[in-house]
Amino acid sequence: MSHRQIPYESAFEDYLRSRGVPYVGVDQTRKAIFAGARLKSFDFIVYFPGQRHWIVDVKGRMFPYVNNRGARCYWENWVSRDDIESLGEWQAVFGDEFEARFVFAYFLGGPPDRWPVWRPHGFRSEHYLFLSVRLADYREHCRPRSASWDTVAVPRAVFRRIIGPIEGPAG
């Protein structure tokens, strides 16, 4: 396993390894090789036998998220417009055998009876849930979230329809 500094990415890498899913992690310390390029790098290429390979950008979120008013928010799914554009460009570079996806890595907090129905993944005494959405589906349904941060999000009800668990050799 690589030495990733971001816990969400480390947990996702552990998830893939524990299920025997082949992948290549992108070394974020080598961003200099993309000097002059306007594309943000992605996090993983994931290979599922018999399926299109995934170009993955992991987005870590808390479930639930407590906002600045103290309210619990579920299914946070915002990304930057740059995330969308860069991931789309990477898909074009890699071609039709690859599919760009966001993987939302939810750090599960609160009581387990409030967690989503999918089985969580234990990592370093914490629990995570990994759900994926095709870039094309996310792009189709996203709406502006913050003009100042240049972010978008998919409405929660729609997001819950277009996300799904990671499907691979071991489930």
Foldseek 3Di string as FASTA:
>chain_A
DDDDPDVLLVLVVVVCVVQVWDKDFDDPVVCCVCPPPLADAATMWTDFPPAQIEGEHEAEDEAFDQDPVRDTHGDDDKDAVSNLVRQVVVDVVVDDSYFYKYKYKYFYDDDPVSDDPDDWGDDPNTTIFIKMATSVLFVVAWDDDDPVRRMIGGPPVSVVVRIDGDDHDRD
